[in-house]
Amino acid sequence: MIFVTERTLIRKLTLEDLEPFHQLESNSNVLKYATGEVKNLEENRTELLDLMSRYQLHYNDFWIYAIERKSDKQFIGTLALVKDGIDDKIGYRFLEKYWRNGYGFEVCEGTINYCKKLKFKKLVGYVVDENKASAKILEKLNFKIVKKFISEDLKLPETKYELIL
């Protein structure tokens, strides 16, 4: 276990997560503001194994964790922490059936508290401007807009948010 919130548990990914991880990474609505590219089961298996192998690295700056609902142990999404010491980034994805239930806000708030304990100086989030829900979450958690630009990968207007811890 990495940390807990009121309704969720953040933990390392396991091979048992393959089915819901595949549902997450093969849903075009989930990936619309991320990579935009859905993957097949074998590609998702390979990615999951790669993400899991990173837990063993002595130096790892790219952490992807499972978000599990406490009440029924269901995998509901992933949380990313990308640490580079300058712009430590957070990101999250939820299975579509768990959208609009407050999990995004709850997990982001928990991530902020976790990162404070780890002595992070600041957190950064990048949000495609069309993704109003994620922008609202970061703004409600006092992230400030520091830059607006067109994303290189999706070619969409995007905003960089920053929170000084």
C-alpha atoms as a PDB file:
ATOM      1  CA  MET A   1       0.000   0.000   0.000  1.00  0.00           C
ATOM      2  CA  ILE A   2       1.258   3.464  -0.907  1.00  0.00           C
ATOM      3  CA  PHE A   3      -1.440   5.553   0.816  1.00  0.00           C
ATOM      4  CA  VAL A   4      -5.170   5.572   1.502  1.00  0.00           C
ATOM      5  CA  THR A   5      -7.983   8.080   1.217  1.00  0.00           C
ATOM      6  CA  GLU A   6     -11.450   7.867   2.679  1.00  0.00           C
ATOM      7  CA  ARG A   7     -12.766   5.550  -0.060  1.00  0.00           C
ATOM      8  CA  THR A   8      -9.652   4.399  -1.926  1.00  0.00           C
ATOM      9  CA  LEU A   9      -6.397   2.562  -1.479  1.00  0.00           C
ATOM     10  CA  ILE A  10      -3.398   3.432  -3.658  1.00  0.00           C
ATOM     11  CA  ARG A  11      -1.171   0.412  -4.251  1.00  0.00           C
ATOM     12  CA  LYS A  12       1.293  -1.101  -6.672  1.00  0.00           C
ATOM     13  CA  LEU A  13      -0.113  -2.671  -9.810  1.00  0.00           C
ATOM     14  CA  THR A  14      -0.244  -6.473 -10.023  1.00  0.00           C
ATOM     15  CA  LEU A  15      -0.841  -8.920 -12.855  1.00  0.00           C
ATOM     16  CA  GLU A  16      -4.327  -9.486 -11.408  1.00  0.00           C
ATOM     17  CA  ASP A  17      -5.099  -5.938 -12.562  1.00  0.00           C
ATOM     18  CA  LEU A  18      -4.714  -6.862 -16.232  1.00  0.00           C
ATOM     19  CA  GLU A  19      -8.426  -7.068 -17.094  1.00  0.00           C
ATOM     20  CA  PRO A  20      -9.498  -3.728 -15.581  1.00  0.00           C
ATOM     21  CA  PHE A  21      -6.190  -2.117 -16.659  1.00  0.00           C
ATOM     22  CA  HIS A  22      -6.990  -3.237 -20.208  1.00  0.00           C
ATOM     23  CA  GLN A  23     -10.520  -1.808 -19.911  1.00  0.00           C
ATOM     24  CA  LEU A  24      -8.989   1.499 -18.840  1.00  0.00           C
ATOM     25  CA  GLU A  25      -6.299   1.625 -21.534  1.00  0.00           C
ATOM     26  CA  SER A  26      -8.573   0.474 -24.357  1.00  0.00           C
ATOM     27  CA  ASN A  27     -11.328   3.023 -23.733  1.00  0.00           C
ATOM     28  CA  SER A  28     -11.116   5.918 -26.188  1.00  0.00           C
ATOM     29  CA  ASN A  29     -13.146   8.167 -23.840  1.00  0.00           C
ATOM     30  CA  VAL A  30     -10.643   7.618 -21.025  1.00  0.00           C
ATOM     31  CA  LEU A  31      -7.688   8.284 -23.330  1.00  0.00           C
ATOM     32  CA  LYS A  32      -9.269  11.196 -25.191  1.00  0.00           C
ATOM     33  CA  TYR A  33      -7.217  13.780 -23.284  1.00  0.00           C
ATOM     34  CA  ALA A  34      -4.207  11.561 -22.621  1.00  0.00           C
ATOM     35  CA  THR A  35      -2.533   9.604 -25.395  1.00  0.00           C
ATOM     36  CA  GLY A  36      -5.619   9.217 -27.516  1.00  0.00           C
ATOM     37  CA  GLU A  37      -4.364   5.771 -28.545  1.00  0.00           C
ATOM     38  CA  VAL A  38      -6.208   2.659 -27.406  1.00  0.00           C
ATOM     39  CA  LYS A  39      -4.219  -0.549 -27.048  1.00  0.00           C
ATOM     40  CA  ASN A  40      -5.080  -4.201 -27.477  1.00  0.00           C
ATOM     41  CA  LEU A  41      -4.850  -6.753 -24.677  1.00  0.00           C
ATOM     42  CA  GLU A  42      -1.322  -7.895 -25.522  1.00  0.00           C
ATOM     43  CA  GLU A  43      -0.037  -4.303 -25.672  1.00  0.00           C
ATOM     44  CA  ASN A  44      -1.662  -3.599 -22.302  1.00  0.00           C
ATOM     45  CA  ARG A  45      -0.169  -6.765 -20.806  1.00  0.00           C
ATOM     46  CA  THR A  46       3.280  -5.643 -21.977  1.00  0.00           C
ATOM     47  CA  GLU A  47       2.743  -2.158 -20.556  1.00  0.00           C
ATOM     48  CA  LEU A  48       1.471  -3.509 -17.236  1.00  0.00           C
ATOM     49  CA  LEU A  49       4.502  -5.794 -16.900  1.00  0.00           C
ATOM     50  CA  ASP A  50       6.807  -2.875 -17.708  1.00  0.00           C
ATOM     51  CA  LEU A  51       5.132  -0.649 -15.108  1.00  0.00           C
ATOM     52  CA  MET A  52       5.374  -3.421 -12.524  1.00  0.00           C
ATOM     53  CA  SER A  53       9.075  -4.003 -13.284  1.00  0.00           C
ATOM     54  CA  ARG A  54       9.805  -0.342 -12.524  1.00  0.00           C
ATOM     55  CA  TYR A  55       8.962  -0.936  -8.855  1.00  0.00           C
ATOM     56  CA  GLN A  56      12.198  -2.954  -8.603  1.00  0.00           C
ATOM     57  CA  LEU A  57      14.479  -0.313 -10.108  1.00  0.00           C
ATOM     58  CA  HIS A  58      16.944   1.388  -7.780  1.00  0.00           C
ATOM     59  CA  TYR A  59      16.216   4.722  -9.435  1.00  0.00           C
ATOM     60  CA  ASN A  60      12.705   5.058 -10.793  1.00  0.00           C
ATOM     61  CA  ASP A  61      11.144   8.394 -11.636  1.00  0.00           C
ATOM     62  CA  PHE A  62       7.969   7.064 -13.255  1.00  0.00           C
ATOM     63  CA  TRP A  63       5.500   5.501 -10.826  1.00  0.00           C
ATOM     64  CA  ILE A  64       2.075   4.242 -11.877  1.00  0.00           C
ATOM     65  CA  TYR A  65      -0.128   2.901  -9.089  1.00  0.00           C
ATOM     66  CA  ALA A  66      -3.504   1.187  -8.975  1.00  0.00           C
ATOM     67  CA  ILE A  67      -6.439   2.997  -7.423  1.00  0.00           C
ATOM     68  CA  GLU A  68      -8.609   0.469  -5.612  1.00  0.00           C
ATOM     69  CA  ARG A  69     -11.997   1.127  -4.070  1.00  0.00           C
ATOM     70  CA  LYS A  70     -11.876   0.115  -0.392  1.00  0.00           C
ATOM     71  CA  SER A  71     -15.498  -0.993  -0.154  1.00  0.00           C
ATOM     72  CA  ASP A  72     -15.218  -3.869  -2.653  1.00  0.00           C
ATOM     73  CA  LYS A  73     -11.509  -4.033  -3.627  1.00  0.00           C
ATOM     74  CA  GLN A  74     -12.362  -3.018  -7.214  1.00  0.00           C
ATOM     75  CA  PHE A  75      -9.657  -1.542  -9.436  1.00  0.00           C
ATOM     76  CA  ILE A  76     -11.075   1.814 -10.508  1.00  0.00           C
ATOM     77  CA  GLY A  77      -8.115   3.555 -12.125  1.00  0.00           C
ATOM     78  CA  THR A  78      -4.458   4.526 -12.071  1.00  0.00           C
ATOM     79  CA  LEU A  79      -2.429   7.283 -10.462  1.00  0.00           C
ATOM     80  CA  ALA A  80       0.841   8.521 -11.988  1.00  0.00           C
ATOM     81  CA  LEU A  81       3.687  10.231 -10.158  1.00  0.00           C
ATOM     82  CA  VAL A  82       6.480  11.314 -12.482  1.00  0.00           C
ATOM     83  CA  LYS A  83       9.380  12.698 -10.485  1.00  0.00           C
ATOM     84  CA  ASP A  84      12.113  14.749 -12.096  1.00  0.00           C
ATOM     85  CA  GLY A  85      12.892  17.074  -9.194  1.00  0.00           C
ATOM     86  CA  ILE A  86      11.851  20.137 -11.188  1.00  0.00           C
ATOM     87  CA  ASP A  87       8.302  19.504 -12.355  1.00  0.00           C
ATOM     88  CA  ASP A  88       7.071  16.509 -10.363  1.00  0.00           C
ATOM     89  CA  LYS A  89       3.885  15.583 -12.209  1.00  0.00           C
ATOM     90  CA  ILE A  90       0.680  13.915 -11.179  1.00  0.00           C
ATOM     91  CA  GLY A  91      -1.881  12.277 -13.417  1.00  0.00           C
ATOM     92  CA  TYR A  92      -4.819   9.956 -13.028  1.00  0.00           C
ATOM     93  CA  ARG A  93      -7.245   7.911 -15.071  1.00  0.00           C
ATOM     94  CA  PHE A  94     -10.453   6.260 -13.957  1.00  0.00           C
ATOM     95  CA  LEU A  95     -12.588   3.605 -15.567  1.00  0.00           C
ATOM     96  CA  GLU A  96     -15.462   5.466 -17.181  1.00  0.00           C
ATOM     97  CA  LYS A  97     -18.098   3.855 -14.957  1.00  0.00           C
ATOM     98  CA  TYR A  98     -16.463   5.546 -11.932  1.00  0.00           C
ATOM     99  CA  TRP A  99     -16.503   9.082 -13.368  1.00  0.00           C
ATOM    100  CA  ARG A 100     -18.481  11.808 -11.578  1.00  0.00           C
ATOM    101  CA  ASN A 101     -18.226  10.167  -8.153  1.00  0.00           C
ATOM    102  CA  GLY A 102     -15.623  12.465  -6.592  1.00  0.00           C
ATOM    103  CA  TYR A 103     -12.773   9.961  -6.830  1.00  0.00           C
ATOM    104  CA  GLY A 104     -10.583  12.343  -8.866  1.00  0.00           C
ATOM    105  CA  PHE A 105     -10.705  15.058  -6.214  1.00  0.00           C
ATOM    106  CA  GLU A 106     -10.249  12.560  -3.386  1.00  0.00           C
ATOM    107  CA  VAL A 107      -7.247  10.849  -4.970  1.00  0.00           C
ATOM    108  CA  CYS A 108      -5.610  14.159  -5.944  1.00  0.00           C
ATOM    109  CA  GLU A 109      -6.027  15.493  -2.426  1.00  0.00           C
ATOM    110  CA  GLY A 110      -4.532  12.271  -1.036  1.00  0.00           C
ATOM    111  CA  THR A 111      -1.649  12.510  -3.500  1.00  0.00           C
ATOM    112  CA  ILE A 112      -0.888  16.052  -2.355  1.00  0.00           C
ATOM    113  CA  ASN A 113      -0.738  14.893   1.278  1.00  0.00           C
ATOM    114  CA  TYR A 114       1.451  11.916   0.321  1.00  0.00           C
ATOM    115  CA  CYS A 115       3.836  14.146  -1.651  1.00  0.00           C
ATOM    116  CA  LYS A 116       4.097  16.599   1.244  1.00  0.00           C
ATOM    117  CA  LYS A 117       5.246  13.721   3.463  1.00  0.00           C
ATOM    118  CA  LEU A 118       7.865  12.838   0.830  1.00  0.00           C
ATOM    119  CA  LYS A 119       9.072  16.484   0.926  1.00  0.00           C
ATOM    120  CA  PHE A 120       8.140  17.331  -2.662  1.00  0.00           C
ATOM    121  CA  LYS A 121       8.502  21.070  -3.246  1.00  0.00           C
ATOM    122  CA  LYS A 122       5.733  21.346  -5.835  1.00  0.00           C
ATOM    123  CA  LEU A 123       3.408  19.320  -8.027  1.00  0.00           C
ATOM    124  CA  VAL A 124       2.494  19.940 -11.637  1.00  0.00           C
ATOM    125  CA  GLY A 125      -0.529  18.783 -13.602  1.00  0.00           C
ATOM    126  CA  TYR A 126      -1.131  19.134 -17.326  1.00  0.00           C
ATOM    127  CA  VAL A 127      -4.762  19.295 -18.463  1.00  0.00           C
ATOM    128  CA  VAL A 128      -6.170  19.505 -21.972  1.00  0.00           C
ATOM    129  CA  ASP A 129      -8.474  22.538 -21.840  1.00  0.00           C
ATOM    130  CA  GLU A 130     -11.501  20.522 -23.008  1.00  0.00           C
ATOM    131  CA  ASN A 131     -11.112  18.321 -19.913  1.00  0.00           C
ATOM    132  CA  LYS A 132     -13.150  20.645 -17.690  1.00  0.00           C
ATOM    133  CA  ALA A 133     -13.540  18.078 -14.881  1.00  0.00           C
ATOM    134  CA  SER A 134      -9.793  17.688 -14.322  1.00  0.00           C
ATOM    135  CA  ALA A 135      -9.200  21.436 -14.547  1.00  0.00           C
ATOM    136  CA  LYS A 136     -11.901  21.993 -11.935  1.00  0.00           C
ATOM    137  CA  ILE A 137     -10.290  19.434  -9.590  1.00  0.00           C
ATOM    138  CA  LEU A 138      -6.859  21.062  -9.773  1.00  0.00           C
ATOM    139  CA  GLU A 139      -8.269  24.562  -9.358  1.00  0.00           C
ATOM    140  CA  LYS A 140     -10.328  23.466  -6.344  1.00  0.00           C
ATOM    141  CA  LEU A 141      -7.118  22.074  -4.811  1.00  0.00           C
ATOM    142  CA  ASN A 142      -5.413  25.465  -5.299  1.00  0.00           C
ATOM    143  CA  PHE A 143      -3.223  24.577  -8.271  1.00  0.00           C
ATOM    144  CA  LYS A 144      -2.370  27.758 -10.184  1.00  0.00           C
ATOM    145  CA  ILE A 145      -2.197  28.186 -13.953  1.00  0.00           C
ATOM    146  CA  VAL A 146       1.396  28.778 -15.022  1.00  0.00           C
ATOM    147  CA  LYS A 147       1.312  28.209 -18.794  1.00  0.00           C
ATOM    148  CA  LYS A 148      -1.079  27.721 -21.705  1.00  0.00           C
ATOM    149  CA  PHE A 149       0.090  26.037 -24.896  1.00  0.00           C
ATOM    150  CA  ILE A 150      -0.793  23.563 -27.663  1.00  0.00           C
ATOM    151  CA  SER A 151       0.142  19.996 -26.682  1.00  0.00           C
ATOM    152  CA  GLU A 152       2.736  18.387 -28.926  1.00  0.00           C
ATOM    153  CA  ASP A 153       1.136  14.942 -28.925  1.00  0.00           C
ATOM    154  CA  LEU A 154      -2.595  15.668 -29.154  1.00  0.00           C
ATOM    155  CA  LYS A 155      -2.299  19.092 -30.833  1.00  0.00           C
ATOM    156  CA  LEU A 156      -4.926  20.489 -28.432  1.00  0.00           C
ATOM    157  CA  PRO A 157      -4.913  23.570 -26.173  1.00  0.00           C
ATOM    158  CA  GLU A 158      -3.479  22.536 -22.814  1.00  0.00           C
ATOM    159  CA  THR A 159      -2.798  24.210 -19.470  1.00  0.00           C
ATOM    160  CA  LYS A 160       0.051  23.596 -17.044  1.00  0.00           C
ATOM    161  CA  TYR A 161      -0.988  23.860 -13.389  1.00  0.00           C
ATOM    162  CA  GLU A 162       1.355  24.097 -10.411  1.00  0.00           C
ATOM    163  CA  LEU A 163       0.921  23.693  -6.677  1.00  0.00           C
ATOM    164  CA  ILE A 164       3.691  24.804  -4.306  1.00  0.00           C
ATOM    165  CA  LEU A 165       3.815  22.402  -1.383  1.00  0.00           C
END
